[in-house]
Amino acid sequence: MYIIKVKGVAKIPDYVQLRDENFTLLAYFRVDRPEKSLDKVGLAHKTDYIMQLVNTLPFGQILKLDI
């Protein structure tokens, strides 16, 4: 699984993308509201871990997650 942090522009907020090994989009959520999307993909129990990574990840960089 991969995580990408996307910088928002003007009124569009910052977003996070979670993608699988084939880069298929699994989840797309605002940085300040991850709970609902992570719950839908079964990663609600990993919310704290994922958000720690998101907060340190630079915009536009792809990070491979081993979850």
PDB file of N, CA and C in Angstrom:
ATOM      1  N   MET A   1       0.838  -1.161   0.000  1.00  0.00           N
ATOM      2  CA  MET A   1       0.000   0.000   0.000  1.00  0.00           C
ATOM      3  C   MET A   1       0.893   1.237   0.000  1.00  0.00           C
ATOM      4  N   TYR A   2       0.433   2.278  -0.668  1.00  0.00           N
ATOM      5  CA  TYR A   2       1.178   3.521  -0.769  1.00  0.00           C
ATOM      6  C   TYR A   2       0.335   4.677  -0.253  1.00  0.00           C
ATOM      7  N   ILE A   3       1.020   5.694   0.266  1.00  0.00           N
ATOM      8  CA  ILE A   3       0.350   6.886   0.756  1.00  0.00           C
ATOM      9  C   ILE A   3       0.967   8.096   0.071  1.00  0.00           C
ATOM     10  N   ILE A   4       0.102   9.028  -0.348  1.00  0.00           N
ATOM     11  CA  ILE A   4       0.534  10.247  -1.040  1.00  0.00           C
ATOM     12  C   ILE A   4      -0.209  11.414  -0.402  1.00  0.00           C
ATOM     13  N   LYS A   5       0.512  12.462  -0.067  1.00  0.00           N
ATOM     14  CA  LYS A   5      -0.096  13.669   0.496  1.00  0.00           C
ATOM     15  C   LYS A   5      -0.126  14.728  -0.600  1.00  0.00           C
ATOM     16  N   VAL A   6      -1.333  15.253  -0.869  1.00  0.00           N
ATOM     17  CA  VAL A   6      -1.546  16.194  -1.971  1.00  0.00           C
ATOM     18  C   VAL A   6      -1.850  17.575  -1.399  1.00  0.00           C
ATOM     19  N   LYS A   7      -1.117  18.579  -1.834  1.00  0.00           N
ATOM     20  CA  LYS A   7      -1.288  19.954  -1.366  1.00  0.00           C
ATOM     21  C   LYS A   7      -2.518  20.584  -2.011  1.00  0.00           C
ATOM     22  N   GLY A   8      -3.372  21.156  -1.188  1.00  0.00           N
ATOM     23  CA  GLY A   8      -4.540  21.870  -1.692  1.00  0.00           C
ATOM     24  C   GLY A   8      -4.150  23.252  -2.184  1.00  0.00           C
ATOM     25  N   VAL A   9      -5.034  23.841  -2.976  1.00  0.00           N
ATOM     26  CA  VAL A   9      -4.797  25.165  -3.527  1.00  0.00           C
ATOM     27  C   VAL A   9      -5.989  26.047  -3.195  1.00  0.00           C
ATOM     28  N   ALA A  10      -5.721  27.255  -2.705  1.00  0.00           N
ATOM     29  CA  ALA A  10      -6.758  28.227  -2.344  1.00  0.00           C
ATOM     30  C   ALA A  10      -7.764  27.610  -1.382  1.00  0.00           C
ATOM     31  N   LYS A  11      -9.008  27.431  -1.803  1.00  0.00           N
ATOM     32  CA  LYS A  11     -10.047  26.902  -0.916  1.00  0.00           C
ATOM     33  C   LYS A  11     -10.100  25.379  -0.889  1.00  0.00           C
ATOM     34  N   ILE A  12      -9.305  24.730  -1.719  1.00  0.00           N
ATOM     35  CA  ILE A  12      -9.271  23.261  -1.745  1.00  0.00           C
ATOM     36  C   ILE A  12      -8.291  22.804  -0.664  1.00  0.00           C
ATOM     37  N   PRO A  13      -8.744  21.969   0.283  1.00  0.00           N
ATOM     38  CA  PRO A  13      -7.858  21.540   1.383  1.00  0.00           C
ATOM     39  C   PRO A  13      -6.836  20.490   0.954  1.00  0.00           C
ATOM     40  N   ASP A  14      -5.897  20.221   1.844  1.00  0.00           N
ATOM     41  CA  ASP A  14      -4.906  19.170   1.618  1.00  0.00           C
ATOM     42  C   ASP A  14      -5.598  17.809   1.729  1.00  0.00           C
ATOM     43  N   TYR A  15      -5.172  16.871   0.887  1.00  0.00           N
ATOM     44  CA  TYR A  15      -5.762  15.539   0.862  1.00  0.00           C
ATOM     45  C   TYR A  15      -4.683  14.465   0.959  1.00  0.00           C
ATOM     46  N   VAL A  16      -5.130  13.259   1.307  1.00  0.00           N
ATOM     47  CA  VAL A  16      -4.258  12.091   1.364  1.00  0.00           C
ATOM     48  C   VAL A  16      -4.871  11.007   0.485  1.00  0.00           C
ATOM     49  N   GLN A  17      -4.036  10.335  -0.281  1.00  0.00           N
ATOM     50  CA  GLN A  17      -4.478   9.204  -1.094  1.00  0.00           C
ATOM     51  C   GLN A  17      -3.824   7.939  -0.559  1.00  0.00           C
ATOM     52  N   LEU A  18      -4.609   6.891  -0.416  1.00  0.00           N
ATOM     53  CA  LEU A  18      -4.082   5.562  -0.121  1.00  0.00           C
ATOM     54  C   LEU A  18      -4.300   4.725  -1.363  1.00  0.00           C
ATOM     55  N   ARG A  19      -3.239   4.094  -1.849  1.00  0.00           N
ATOM     56  CA  ARG A  19      -3.317   3.299  -3.072  1.00  0.00           C
ATOM     57  C   ARG A  19      -2.739   1.910  -2.823  1.00  0.00           C
ATOM     58  N   ASP A  20      -3.256   0.917  -3.557  1.00  0.00           N
ATOM     59  CA  ASP A  20      -2.759  -0.448  -3.390  1.00  0.00           C
ATOM     60  C   ASP A  20      -1.504  -0.664  -4.238  1.00  0.00           C
ATOM     61  N   GLU A  21      -1.060  -1.898  -4.313  1.00  0.00           N
ATOM     62  CA  GLU A  21       0.173  -2.223  -5.037  1.00  0.00           C
ATOM     63  C   GLU A  21       0.094  -1.908  -6.535  1.00  0.00           C
ATOM     64  N   ASN A  22      -1.118  -1.904  -7.099  1.00  0.00           N
ATOM     65  CA  ASN A  22      -1.314  -1.572  -8.514  1.00  0.00           C
ATOM     66  C   ASN A  22      -1.656  -0.094  -8.713  1.00  0.00           C
ATOM     67  N   PHE A  23      -1.518   0.687  -7.652  1.00  0.00           N
ATOM     68  CA  PHE A  23      -1.821   2.112  -7.616  1.00  0.00           C
ATOM     69  C   PHE A  23      -3.306   2.416  -7.834  1.00  0.00           C
ATOM     70  N   THR A  24      -4.157   1.453  -7.528  1.00  0.00           N
ATOM     71  CA  THR A  24      -5.599   1.694  -7.540  1.00  0.00           C
ATOM     72  C   THR A  24      -5.950   2.471  -6.280  1.00  0.00           C
ATOM     73  N   LEU A  25      -6.757   3.509  -6.428  1.00  0.00           N
ATOM     74  CA  LEU A  25      -7.136   4.356  -5.306  1.00  0.00           C
ATOM     75  C   LEU A  25      -8.022   3.586  -4.333  1.00  0.00           C
ATOM     76  N   LEU A  26      -7.597   3.491  -3.072  1.00  0.00           N
ATOM     77  CA  LEU A  26      -8.372   2.824  -2.030  1.00  0.00           C
ATOM     78  C   LEU A  26      -9.130   3.827  -1.172  1.00  0.00           C
ATOM     79  N   ALA A  27      -8.478   4.935  -0.847  1.00  0.00           N
ATOM     80  CA  ALA A  27      -9.096   5.958  -0.003  1.00  0.00           C
ATOM     81  C   ALA A  27      -8.534   7.317  -0.392  1.00  0.00           C
ATOM     82  N   TYR A  28      -9.386   8.329  -0.250  1.00  0.00           N
ATOM     83  CA  TYR A  28      -9.026   9.704  -0.571  1.00  0.00           C
ATOM     84  C   TYR A  28      -9.716  10.548   0.485  1.00  0.00           C
ATOM     85  N   PHE A  29      -8.945  11.198   1.357  1.00  0.00           N
ATOM     86  CA  PHE A  29      -9.568  11.920   2.463  1.00  0.00           C
ATOM     87  C   PHE A  29      -8.794  13.179   2.805  1.00  0.00           C
ATOM     88  N   ARG A  30      -9.516  14.119   3.434  1.00  0.00           N
ATOM     89  CA  ARG A  30      -8.895  15.350   3.893  1.00  0.00           C
ATOM     90  C   ARG A  30      -7.971  15.032   5.060  1.00  0.00           C
ATOM     91  N   VAL A  31      -6.897  15.772   5.167  1.00  0.00           N
ATOM     92  CA  VAL A  31      -5.934  15.549   6.232  1.00  0.00           C
ATOM     93  C   VAL A  31      -6.585  15.710   7.606  1.00  0.00           C
ATOM     94  N   ASP A  32      -7.541  16.618   7.729  1.00  0.00           N
ATOM     95  CA  ASP A  32      -8.171  16.857   9.022  1.00  0.00           C
ATOM     96  C   ASP A  32      -9.378  15.956   9.303  1.00  0.00           C
ATOM     97  N   ARG A  33      -9.759  15.070   8.370  1.00  0.00           N
ATOM     98  CA  ARG A  33     -10.910  14.183   8.565  1.00  0.00           C
ATOM     99  C   ARG A  33     -10.656  12.778   8.017  1.00  0.00           C
ATOM    100  N   PRO A  34      -9.755  12.019   8.611  1.00  0.00           N
ATOM    101  CA  PRO A  34      -9.409  10.706   8.063  1.00  0.00           C
ATOM    102  C   PRO A  34     -10.307   9.551   8.514  1.00  0.00           C
ATOM    103  N   GLU A  35     -11.021   9.707   9.624  1.00  0.00           N
ATOM    104  CA  GLU A  35     -11.685   8.588  10.290  1.00  0.00           C
ATOM    105  C   GLU A  35     -12.645   7.806   9.397  1.00  0.00           C
ATOM    106  N   LYS A  36     -13.561   8.494   8.743  1.00  0.00           N
ATOM    107  CA  LYS A  36     -14.597   7.819   7.961  1.00  0.00           C
ATOM    108  C   LYS A  36     -13.996   7.018   6.800  1.00  0.00           C
ATOM    109  N   SER A  37     -13.072   7.596   6.077  1.00  0.00           N
ATOM    110  CA  SER A  37     -12.464   6.909   4.930  1.00  0.00           C
ATOM    111  C   SER A  37     -11.619   5.718   5.360  1.00  0.00           C
ATOM    112  N   LEU A  38     -10.865   5.881   6.431  1.00  0.00           N
ATOM    113  CA  LEU A  38     -10.045   4.770   6.906  1.00  0.00           C
ATOM    114  C   LEU A  38     -10.912   3.646   7.447  1.00  0.00           C
ATOM    115  N   ASP A  39     -12.034   3.989   8.038  1.00  0.00           N
ATOM    116  CA  ASP A  39     -12.965   2.969   8.527  1.00  0.00           C
ATOM    117  C   ASP A  39     -13.545   2.163   7.358  1.00  0.00           C
ATOM    118  N   LYS A  40     -13.853   2.838   6.247  1.00  0.00           N
ATOM    119  CA  LYS A  40     -14.416   2.164   5.073  1.00  0.00           C
ATOM    120  C   LYS A  40     -13.468   1.131   4.471  1.00  0.00           C
ATOM    121  N   VAL A  41     -12.180   1.389   4.527  1.00  0.00           N
ATOM    122  CA  VAL A  41     -11.205   0.453   3.956  1.00  0.00           C
ATOM    123  C   VAL A  41     -10.632  -0.497   5.005  1.00  0.00           C
ATOM    124  N   GLY A  42     -11.181  -0.461   6.219  1.00  0.00           N
ATOM    125  CA  GLY A  42     -10.776  -1.387   7.264  1.00  0.00           C
ATOM    126  C   GLY A  42      -9.484  -1.025   7.979  1.00  0.00           C
ATOM    127  N   LEU A  43      -9.115   0.243   7.963  1.00  0.00           N
ATOM    128  CA  LEU A  43      -7.878   0.670   8.612  1.00  0.00           C
ATOM    129  C   LEU A  43      -8.126   1.612   9.786  1.00  0.00           C
ATOM    130  N   ALA A  44      -9.317   1.586  10.351  1.00  0.00           N
ATOM    131  CA  ALA A  44      -9.647   2.483  11.465  1.00  0.00           C
ATOM    132  C   ALA A  44      -8.715   2.257  12.650  1.00  0.00           C
ATOM    133  N   HIS A  45      -8.292   1.030  12.871  1.00  0.00           N
ATOM    134  CA  HIS A  45      -7.404   0.719  13.988  1.00  0.00           C
ATOM    135  C   HIS A  45      -5.981   1.252  13.769  1.00  0.00           C
ATOM    136  N   LYS A  46      -5.660   1.675  12.556  1.00  0.00           N
ATOM    137  CA  LYS A  46      -4.326   2.196  12.222  1.00  0.00           C
ATOM    138  C   LYS A  46      -4.343   3.712  11.996  1.00  0.00           C
ATOM    139  N   THR A  47      -5.440   4.382  12.366  1.00  0.00           N
ATOM    140  CA  THR A  47      -5.579   5.815  12.106  1.00  0.00           C
ATOM    141  C   THR A  47      -4.434   6.626  12.706  1.00  0.00           C
ATOM    142  N   ASP A  48      -4.095   6.387  13.962  1.00  0.00           N
ATOM    143  CA  ASP A  48      -3.019   7.156  14.609  1.00  0.00           C
ATOM    144  C   ASP A  48      -1.687   6.974  13.890  1.00  0.00           C
ATOM    145  N   TYR A  49      -1.368   5.739  13.541  1.00  0.00           N
ATOM    146  CA  TYR A  49      -0.116   5.444  12.843  1.00  0.00           C
ATOM    147  C   TYR A  49      -0.073   6.133  11.475  1.00  0.00           C
ATOM    148  N   ILE A  50      -1.147   6.024  10.716  1.00  0.00           N
ATOM    149  CA  ILE A  50      -1.201   6.627   9.378  1.00  0.00           C
ATOM    150  C   ILE A  50      -1.110   8.142   9.469  1.00  0.00           C
ATOM    151  N   MET A  51      -1.805   8.739  10.426  1.00  0.00           N
ATOM    152  CA  MET A  51      -1.783  10.197  10.542  1.00  0.00           C
ATOM    153  C   MET A  51      -0.420  10.710  11.024  1.00  0.00           C
ATOM    154  N   GLN A  52       0.309   9.933  11.811  1.00  0.00           N
ATOM    155  CA  GLN A  52       1.674  10.324  12.174  1.00  0.00           C
ATOM    156  C   GLN A  52       2.549  10.393  10.930  1.00  0.00           C
ATOM    157  N   LEU A  53       2.382   9.411  10.046  1.00  0.00           N
ATOM    158  CA  LEU A  53       3.139   9.410   8.796  1.00  0.00           C
ATOM    159  C   LEU A  53       2.736  10.585   7.911  1.00  0.00           C
ATOM    160  N   VAL A  54       1.433  10.850   7.826  1.00  0.00           N
ATOM    161  CA  VAL A  54       0.929  11.947   6.997  1.00  0.00           C
ATOM    162  C   VAL A  54       1.500  13.273   7.475  1.00  0.00           C
ATOM    163  N   ASN A  55       1.548  13.485   8.777  1.00  0.00           N
ATOM    164  CA  ASN A  55       2.030  14.757   9.318  1.00  0.00           C
ATOM    165  C   ASN A  55       3.508  14.991   9.047  1.00  0.00           C
ATOM    166  N   THR A  56       4.293  13.934   8.858  1.00  0.00           N
ATOM    167  CA  THR A  56       5.719  14.104   8.582  1.00  0.00           C
ATOM    168  C   THR A  56       6.051  13.989   7.091  1.00  0.00           C
ATOM    169  N   LEU A  57       5.110  13.511   6.301  1.00  0.00           N
ATOM    170  CA  LEU A  57       5.336  13.295   4.870  1.00  0.00           C
ATOM    171  C   LEU A  57       5.274  14.614   4.095  1.00  0.00           C
ATOM    172  N   PRO A  58       6.280  14.905   3.278  1.00  0.00           N
ATOM    173  CA  PRO A  58       6.219  16.100   2.435  1.00  0.00           C
ATOM    174  C   PRO A  58       5.157  15.943   1.344  1.00  0.00           C
ATOM    175  N   PHE A  59       4.609  17.052   0.897  1.00  0.00           N
ATOM    176  CA  PHE A  59       3.604  17.025  -0.165  1.00  0.00           C
ATOM    177  C   PHE A  59       4.197  16.453  -1.447  1.00  0.00           C
ATOM    178  N   GLY A  60       3.427  15.613  -2.117  1.00  0.00           N
ATOM    179  CA  GLY A  60       3.822  15.066  -3.406  1.00  0.00           C
ATOM    180  C   GLY A  60       4.731  13.853  -3.352  1.00  0.00           C
ATOM    181  N   GLN A  61       5.178  13.486  -2.173  1.00  0.00           N
ATOM    182  CA  GLN A  61       6.071  12.327  -2.053  1.00  0.00           C
ATOM    183  C   GLN A  61       5.247  11.069  -1.804  1.00  0.00           C
ATOM    184  N   ILE A  62       5.685   9.956  -2.385  1.00  0.00           N
ATOM    185  CA  ILE A  62       5.004   8.662  -2.221  1.00  0.00           C
ATOM    186  C   ILE A  62       5.766   7.857  -1.191  1.00  0.00           C
ATOM    187  N   LEU A  63       5.018   7.270  -0.246  1.00  0.00           N
ATOM    188  CA  LEU A  63       5.615   6.453   0.796  1.00  0.00           C
ATOM    189  C   LEU A  63       4.957   5.083   0.790  1.00  0.00           C
ATOM    190  N   LYS A  64       5.770   4.043   0.784  1.00  0.00           N
ATOM    191  CA  LYS A  64       5.237   2.679   0.824  1.00  0.00           C
ATOM    192  C   LYS A  64       4.937   2.297   2.259  1.00  0.00           C
ATOM    193  N   LEU A  65       3.721   1.803   2.502  1.00  0.00           N
ATOM    194  CA  LEU A  65       3.295   1.365   3.831  1.00  0.00           C
ATOM    195  C   LEU A  65       3.276  -0.146   3.882  1.00  0.00           C
ATOM    196  N   ASP A  66       3.743  -0.702   4.961  1.00  0.00           N
ATOM    197  CA  ASP A  66       3.655  -2.136   5.189  1.00  0.00           C
ATOM    198  C   ASP A  66       2.669  -2.367   6.325  1.00  0.00           C
ATOM    199  N   ILE A  67       1.410  -2.466   5.956  1.00  0.00           N
ATOM    200  CA  ILE A  67       0.350  -2.669   6.955  1.00  0.00           C
ATOM    201  C   ILE A  67      -0.259  -4.023   6.746  1.00  0.00           C
TER     202      ILE A  67
END
